């Protein structure tokens, strides 16, 4: 195993951990409290970051980066949807 594969695997594992622990906790918190605690700009920024990183990963054929970013796109999109859903309900 070369260094590129080692660091690629570490990037994927830590990226998935960051997305799953961070964003899923925010999604669950919003769901339990029936409100969105973050500003919309922060959720849109997170989604934009994950989209741009995913686009970059596709162009360089790096699936190590693409896996956590795909999860991040889904979860940050959920936080955006929650923001609009809970804003309407208030």
Foldseek 3Di string as FASTA:
>chain_A
DDPVVVVLQVLLVVLQVCQCVPLVVQLVVCVVVLAHPDDLVVLVVQLVVLVVQLVVCVVVVRVSSNVSSVSSNVSSVSSNVSNVVSVVVD
